[in-house]
């Protein structure tokens, strides 16, 4: 989930622990507001880094798929 204070273009990237990109989604322009960002990828069980880049900022989370 992400709260966008203003309209922006977002890029979602999922990387494995070795830094390889296993999924990327370039979203169109999103208006300000709260979004739940679905990851539409068939990922194996394991740990991943999920990065959401927008404007000149980004947020990265480490997630584990069971």
PDB file of N, CA and C in Angstrom:
ATOM      1  N   UNK A   1       0.847  -1.169   0.000  1.00  0.00           N
ATOM      2  CA  UNK A   1       0.000   0.000   0.000  1.00  0.00           C
ATOM      3  C   UNK A   1       0.891   1.231   0.000  1.00  0.00           C
ATOM      4  N   UNK A   2       0.486   2.252  -0.743  1.00  0.00           N
ATOM      5  CA  UNK A   2       1.252   3.496  -0.837  1.00  0.00           C
ATOM      6  C   UNK A   2       0.289   4.674  -0.831  1.00  0.00           C
ATOM      7  N   UNK A   3       0.686   5.740  -0.156  1.00  0.00           N
ATOM      8  CA  UNK A   3      -0.073   6.991  -0.158  1.00  0.00           C
ATOM      9  C   UNK A   3       0.679   7.998  -1.015  1.00  0.00           C
ATOM     10  N   UNK A   4       0.054   8.430  -2.083  1.00  0.00           N
ATOM     11  CA  UNK A   4       0.681   9.401  -2.982  1.00  0.00           C
ATOM     12  C   UNK A   4       0.123  10.786  -2.688  1.00  0.00           C
ATOM     13  N   UNK A   5       0.993  11.744  -2.338  1.00  0.00           N
ATOM     14  CA  UNK A   5       0.512  13.084  -2.021  1.00  0.00           C
ATOM     15  C   UNK A   5       0.112  13.886  -3.259  1.00  0.00           C
ATOM     16  N   UNK A   6       0.610  13.472  -4.439  1.00  0.00           N
ATOM     17  CA  UNK A   6       0.267  14.180  -5.680  1.00  0.00           C
ATOM     18  C   UNK A   6       0.307  13.186  -6.836  1.00  0.00           C
ATOM     19  N   UNK A   7      -0.193  13.607  -7.980  1.00  0.00           N
ATOM     20  CA  UNK A   7      -0.163  12.752  -9.167  1.00  0.00           C
ATOM     21  C   UNK A   7       1.273  12.448  -9.554  1.00  0.00           C
ATOM     22  N   UNK A   8       1.516  11.201  -9.946  1.00  0.00           N
ATOM     23  CA  UNK A   8       2.869  10.790 -10.290  1.00  0.00           C
ATOM     24  C   UNK A   8       2.834   9.508 -11.115  1.00  0.00           C
ATOM     25  N   UNK A   9       3.957   9.159 -11.705  1.00  0.00           N
ATOM     26  CA  UNK A   9       4.113   7.901 -12.407  1.00  0.00           C
ATOM     27  C   UNK A   9       4.921   6.965 -11.519  1.00  0.00           C
ATOM     28  N   UNK A  10       4.470   5.726 -11.355  1.00  0.00           N
ATOM     29  CA  UNK A  10       5.118   4.765 -10.469  1.00  0.00           C
ATOM     30  C   UNK A  10       5.692   3.601 -11.265  1.00  0.00           C
ATOM     31  N   UNK A  11       6.804   3.078 -10.776  1.00  0.00           N
ATOM     32  CA  UNK A  11       7.411   1.872 -11.336  1.00  0.00           C
ATOM     33  C   UNK A  11       7.619   0.893 -10.186  1.00  0.00           C
ATOM     34  N   UNK A  12       7.034  -0.291 -10.305  1.00  0.00           N
ATOM     35  CA  UNK A  12       7.169  -1.334  -9.296  1.00  0.00           C
ATOM     36  C   UNK A  12       8.176  -2.359  -9.793  1.00  0.00           C
ATOM     37  N   UNK A  13       9.179  -2.661  -8.961  1.00  0.00           N
ATOM     38  CA  UNK A  13      10.202  -3.635  -9.318  1.00  0.00           C
ATOM     39  C   UNK A  13      10.329  -4.653  -8.193  1.00  0.00           C
ATOM     40  N   UNK A  14      10.362  -5.942  -8.561  1.00  0.00           N
ATOM     41  CA  UNK A  14      10.593  -7.012  -7.595  1.00  0.00           C
ATOM     42  C   UNK A  14      11.920  -7.663  -7.971  1.00  0.00           C
ATOM     43  N   UNK A  15      12.834  -7.731  -7.003  1.00  0.00           N
ATOM     44  CA  UNK A  15      14.156  -8.319  -7.228  1.00  0.00           C
ATOM     45  C   UNK A  15      14.376  -9.471  -6.267  1.00  0.00           C
ATOM     46  N   UNK A  16      15.145 -10.458  -6.716  1.00  0.00           N
ATOM     47  CA  UNK A  16      15.504 -11.537  -5.798  1.00  0.00           C
ATOM     48  C   UNK A  16      16.681 -11.072  -4.940  1.00  0.00           C
ATOM     49  N   UNK A  17      17.145 -11.912  -4.035  1.00  0.00           N
ATOM     50  CA  UNK A  17      18.212 -11.512  -3.118  1.00  0.00           C
ATOM     51  C   UNK A  17      19.555 -11.314  -3.807  1.00  0.00           C
ATOM     52  N   UNK A  18      19.681 -11.785  -5.046  1.00  0.00           N
ATOM     53  CA  UNK A  18      20.901 -11.573  -5.826  1.00  0.00           C
ATOM     54  C   UNK A  18      20.829 -10.297  -6.663  1.00  0.00           C
ATOM     55  N   UNK A  19      19.723  -9.569  -6.567  1.00  0.00           N
ATOM     56  CA  UNK A  19      19.567  -8.317  -7.298  1.00  0.00           C
ATOM     57  C   UNK A  19      18.989  -8.452  -8.688  1.00  0.00           C
ATOM     58  N   UNK A  20      18.637  -9.672  -9.089  1.00  0.00           N
ATOM     59  CA  UNK A  20      18.025  -9.867 -10.412  1.00  0.00           C
ATOM     60  C   UNK A  20      16.563  -9.429 -10.378  1.00  0.00           C
ATOM     61  N   UNK A  21      16.172  -8.651 -11.355  1.00  0.00           N
ATOM     62  CA  UNK A  21      14.778  -8.225 -11.450  1.00  0.00           C
ATOM     63  C   UNK A  21      13.952  -9.400 -11.946  1.00  0.00           C
ATOM     64  N   UNK A  22      12.954  -9.793 -11.161  1.00  0.00           N
ATOM     65  CA  UNK A  22      12.099 -10.916 -11.538  1.00  0.00           C
ATOM     66  C   UNK A  22      10.715 -10.443 -11.987  1.00  0.00           C
ATOM     67  N   UNK A  23      10.419  -9.161 -11.752  1.00  0.00           N
ATOM     68  CA  UNK A  23       9.124  -8.601 -12.167  1.00  0.00           C
ATOM     69  C   UNK A  23       9.258  -7.085 -12.188  1.00  0.00           C
ATOM     70  N   UNK A  24       8.675  -6.453 -13.211  1.00  0.00           N
ATOM     71  CA  UNK A  24       8.637  -4.999 -13.256  1.00  0.00           C
ATOM     72  C   UNK A  24       7.346  -4.567 -13.914  1.00  0.00           C
ATOM     73  N   UNK A  25       6.743  -3.530 -13.358  1.00  0.00           N
ATOM     74  CA  UNK A  25       5.487  -3.010 -13.889  1.00  0.00           C
ATOM     75  C   UNK A  25       5.589  -1.490 -13.953  1.00  0.00           C
ATOM     76  N   UNK A  26       5.497  -0.941 -15.142  1.00  0.00           N
ATOM     77  CA  UNK A  26       5.499   0.509 -15.325  1.00  0.00           C
ATOM     78  C   UNK A  26       4.059   0.980 -15.381  1.00  0.00           C
ATOM     79  N   UNK A  27       3.624   1.608 -14.340  1.00  0.00           N
ATOM     80  CA  UNK A  27       2.244   2.084 -14.263  1.00  0.00           C
ATOM     81  C   UNK A  27       2.101   3.429 -14.952  1.00  0.00           C
ATOM     82  N   UNK A  28       0.929   3.671 -15.433  1.00  0.00           N
ATOM     83  CA  UNK A  28       0.605   4.977 -15.994  1.00  0.00           C
ATOM     84  C   UNK A  28       0.526   5.989 -14.845  1.00  0.00           C
ATOM     85  N   UNK A  29       0.250   7.171 -15.173  1.00  0.00           N
ATOM     86  CA  UNK A  29       0.155   8.242 -14.176  1.00  0.00           C
ATOM     87  C   UNK A  29      -0.964   7.927 -13.186  1.00  0.00           C
ATOM     88  N   UNK A  30      -0.650   8.029 -11.895  1.00  0.00           N
ATOM     89  CA  UNK A  30      -1.627   7.800 -10.843  1.00  0.00           C
ATOM     90  C   UNK A  30      -1.943   9.117 -10.155  1.00  0.00           C
ATOM     91  N   UNK A  31      -3.212   9.336  -9.835  1.00  0.00           N
ATOM     92  CA  UNK A  31      -3.618  10.530  -9.103  1.00  0.00           C
ATOM     93  C   UNK A  31      -3.238  10.399  -7.637  1.00  0.00           C
ATOM     94  N   UNK A  32      -3.285  11.491  -6.909  1.00  0.00           N
ATOM     95  CA  UNK A  32      -2.992  11.437  -5.483  1.00  0.00           C
ATOM     96  C   UNK A  32      -4.019  10.544  -4.791  1.00  0.00           C
ATOM     97  N   UNK A  33      -3.604   9.933  -3.696  1.00  0.00           N
ATOM     98  CA  UNK A  33      -4.508   9.061  -2.946  1.00  0.00           C
ATOM     99  C   UNK A  33      -3.798   7.814  -2.460  1.00  0.00           C
ATOM    100  N   UNK A  34      -4.565   6.907  -1.899  1.00  0.00           N
ATOM    101  CA  UNK A  34      -4.041   5.654  -1.353  1.00  0.00           C
ATOM    102  C   UNK A  34      -4.281   4.535  -2.356  1.00  0.00           C
ATOM    103  N   UNK A  35      -3.235   3.749  -2.593  1.00  0.00           N
ATOM    104  CA  UNK A  35      -3.313   2.643  -3.539  1.00  0.00           C
ATOM    105  C   UNK A  35      -2.792   1.361  -2.907  1.00  0.00           C
ATOM    106  N   UNK A  36      -3.428   0.276  -3.234  1.00  0.00           N
ATOM    107  CA  UNK A  36      -2.896  -1.052  -2.950  1.00  0.00           C
ATOM    108  C   UNK A  36      -2.357  -1.545  -4.280  1.00  0.00           C
ATOM    109  N   UNK A  37      -1.087  -1.857  -4.306  1.00  0.00           N
ATOM    110  CA  UNK A  37      -0.398  -2.145  -5.558  1.00  0.00           C
ATOM    111  C   UNK A  37      -0.243  -3.656  -5.695  1.00  0.00           C
ATOM    112  N   UNK A  38      -1.065  -4.299  -6.517  1.00  0.00           N
ATOM    113  CA  UNK A  38      -0.967  -5.751  -6.667  1.00  0.00           C
ATOM    114  C   UNK A  38       0.265  -6.159  -7.467  1.00  0.00           C
ATOM    115  N   UNK A  39       0.878  -7.255  -7.071  1.00  0.00           N
ATOM    116  CA  UNK A  39       2.004  -7.813  -7.819  1.00  0.00           C
ATOM    117  C   UNK A  39       1.470  -9.011  -8.591  1.00  0.00           C
ATOM    118  N   UNK A  40       1.409  -8.880  -9.902  1.00  0.00           N
ATOM    119  CA  UNK A  40       0.844  -9.926 -10.756  1.00  0.00           C
ATOM    120  C   UNK A  40       1.974 -10.751 -11.358  1.00  0.00           C
ATOM    121  N   UNK A  41       2.646 -11.518 -10.495  1.00  0.00           N
ATOM    122  CA  UNK A  41       3.779 -12.326 -10.953  1.00  0.00           C
ATOM    123  C   UNK A  41       3.697 -13.701 -10.310  1.00  0.00           C
ATOM    124  N   UNK A  42       4.175 -14.689 -11.020  1.00  0.00           N
ATOM    125  CA  UNK A  42       4.227 -16.050 -10.506  1.00  0.00           C
ATOM    126  C   UNK A  42       5.611 -16.267  -9.890  1.00  0.00           C
ATOM    127  N   UNK A  43       5.733 -15.950  -8.603  1.00  0.00           N
ATOM    128  CA  UNK A  43       7.017 -16.018  -7.912  1.00  0.00           C
ATOM    129  C   UNK A  43       7.117 -17.283  -7.079  1.00  0.00           C
ATOM    130  N   UNK A  44       8.309 -17.855  -7.036  1.00  0.00           N
ATOM    131  CA  UNK A  44       8.574 -19.010  -6.177  1.00  0.00           C
ATOM    132  C   UNK A  44       8.632 -18.555  -4.727  1.00  0.00           C
ATOM    133  N   UNK A  45       8.513 -19.499  -3.809  1.00  0.00           N
ATOM    134  CA  UNK A  45       8.666 -19.181  -2.394  1.00  0.00           C
ATOM    135  C   UNK A  45      10.067 -18.641  -2.163  1.00  0.00           C
ATOM    136  N   UNK A  46      10.179 -17.652  -1.271  1.00  0.00           N
ATOM    137  CA  UNK A  46      11.479 -17.077  -0.956  1.00  0.00           C
ATOM    138  C   UNK A  46      11.366 -15.611  -0.602  1.00  0.00           C
ATOM    139  N   UNK A  47      12.519 -14.980  -0.435  1.00  0.00           N
ATOM    140  CA  UNK A  47      12.582 -13.568  -0.056  1.00  0.00           C
ATOM    141  C   UNK A  47      12.831 -12.705  -1.290  1.00  0.00           C
ATOM    142  N   UNK A  48      12.226 -11.529  -1.287  1.00  0.00           N
ATOM    143  CA  UNK A  48      12.336 -10.591  -2.397  1.00  0.00           C
ATOM    144  C   UNK A  48      12.395  -9.174  -1.861  1.00  0.00           C
ATOM    145  N   UNK A  49      12.944  -8.274  -2.677  1.00  0.00           N
ATOM    146  CA  UNK A  49      12.883  -6.844  -2.408  1.00  0.00           C
ATOM    147  C   UNK A  49      11.871  -6.241  -3.370  1.00  0.00           C
ATOM    148  N   UNK A  50      10.912  -5.496  -2.833  1.00  0.00           N
ATOM    149  CA  UNK A  50       9.898  -4.830  -3.639  1.00  0.00           C
ATOM    150  C   UNK A  50      10.170  -3.329  -3.553  1.00  0.00           C
ATOM    151  N   UNK A  51      10.408  -2.705  -4.709  1.00  0.00           N
ATOM    152  CA  UNK A  51      10.706  -1.277  -4.752  1.00  0.00           C
ATOM    153  C   UNK A  51       9.645  -0.572  -5.574  1.00  0.00           C
ATOM    154  N   UNK A  52       9.092   0.485  -5.018  1.00  0.00           N
ATOM    155  CA  UNK A  52       8.142   1.329  -5.728  1.00  0.00           C
ATOM    156  C   UNK A  52       8.802   2.690  -5.898  1.00  0.00           C
ATOM    157  N   UNK A  53       9.109   3.052  -7.145  1.00  0.00           N
ATOM    158  CA  UNK A  53       9.759   4.327  -7.447  1.00  0.00           C
ATOM    159  C   UNK A  53       8.724   5.301  -7.987  1.00  0.00           C
ATOM    160  N   UNK A  54       8.796   6.529  -7.502  1.00  0.00           N
ATOM    161  CA  UNK A  54       7.874   7.569  -7.953  1.00  0.00           C
ATOM    162  C   UNK A  54       8.553   8.924  -7.791  1.00  0.00           C
ATOM    163  N   UNK A  55       8.358   9.804  -8.771  1.00  0.00           N
ATOM    164  CA  UNK A  55       9.038  11.104  -8.812  1.00  0.00           C
ATOM    165  C   UNK A  55      10.528  10.888  -8.565  1.00  0.00           C
ATOM    166  N   UNK A  56      11.097  11.546  -7.598  1.00  0.00           N
ATOM    167  CA  UNK A  56      12.520  11.381  -7.271  1.00  0.00           C
ATOM    168  C   UNK A  56      12.681  10.638  -5.954  1.00  0.00           C
ATOM    169  N   UNK A  57      11.764   9.747  -5.644  1.00  0.00           N
ATOM    170  CA  UNK A  57      11.769   9.028  -4.377  1.00  0.00           C
ATOM    171  C   UNK A  57      11.472   7.555  -4.637  1.00  0.00           C
ATOM    172  N   UNK A  58      11.728   6.724  -3.642  1.00  0.00           N
ATOM    173  CA  UNK A  58      11.386   5.315  -3.751  1.00  0.00           C
ATOM    174  C   UNK A  58      11.220   4.723  -2.355  1.00  0.00           C
ATOM    175  N   UNK A  59      10.500   3.628  -2.288  1.00  0.00           N
ATOM    176  CA  UNK A  59      10.307   2.867  -1.066  1.00  0.00           C
ATOM    177  C   UNK A  59      10.657   1.418  -1.398  1.00  0.00           C
ATOM    178  N   UNK A  60      11.442   0.778  -0.525  1.00  0.00           N
ATOM    179  CA  UNK A  60      11.814  -0.621  -0.717  1.00  0.00           C
ATOM    180  C   UNK A  60      11.436  -1.405   0.525  1.00  0.00           C
ATOM    181  N   UNK A  61      10.811  -2.553   0.302  1.00  0.00           N
ATOM    182  CA  UNK A  61      10.432  -3.458   1.379  1.00  0.00           C
ATOM    183  C   UNK A  61      10.997  -4.832   1.084  1.00  0.00           C
ATOM    184  N   UNK A  62      11.413  -5.538   2.119  1.00  0.00           N
ATOM    185  CA  UNK A  62      11.794  -6.931   1.965  1.00  0.00           C
ATOM    186  C   UNK A  62      10.559  -7.759   2.314  1.00  0.00           C
ATOM    187  N   UNK A  63      10.176  -8.641   1.418  1.00  0.00           N
ATOM    188  CA  UNK A  63       8.996  -9.476   1.625  1.00  0.00           C
ATOM    189  C   UNK A  63       9.377 -10.952   1.459  1.00  0.00           C
ATOM    190  N   UNK A  64       8.611 -11.797   2.099  1.00  0.00           N
ATOM    191  CA  UNK A  64       8.824 -13.238   1.998  1.00  0.00           C
ATOM    192  C   UNK A  64       7.546 -13.870   1.508  1.00  0.00           C
ATOM    193  N   UNK A  65       7.653 -14.634   0.417  1.00  0.00           N
ATOM    194  CA  UNK A  65       6.511 -15.393  -0.096  1.00  0.00           C
ATOM    195  C   UNK A  65       6.631 -16.805   0.423  1.00  0.00           C
ATOM    196  N   UNK A  66       5.592 -17.263   1.087  1.00  0.00           N
ATOM    197  CA  UNK A  66       5.605 -18.611   1.651  1.00  0.00           C
ATOM    198  C   UNK A  66       5.133 -19.634   0.650  1.00  0.00           C
TER     199      UNK A  66
END
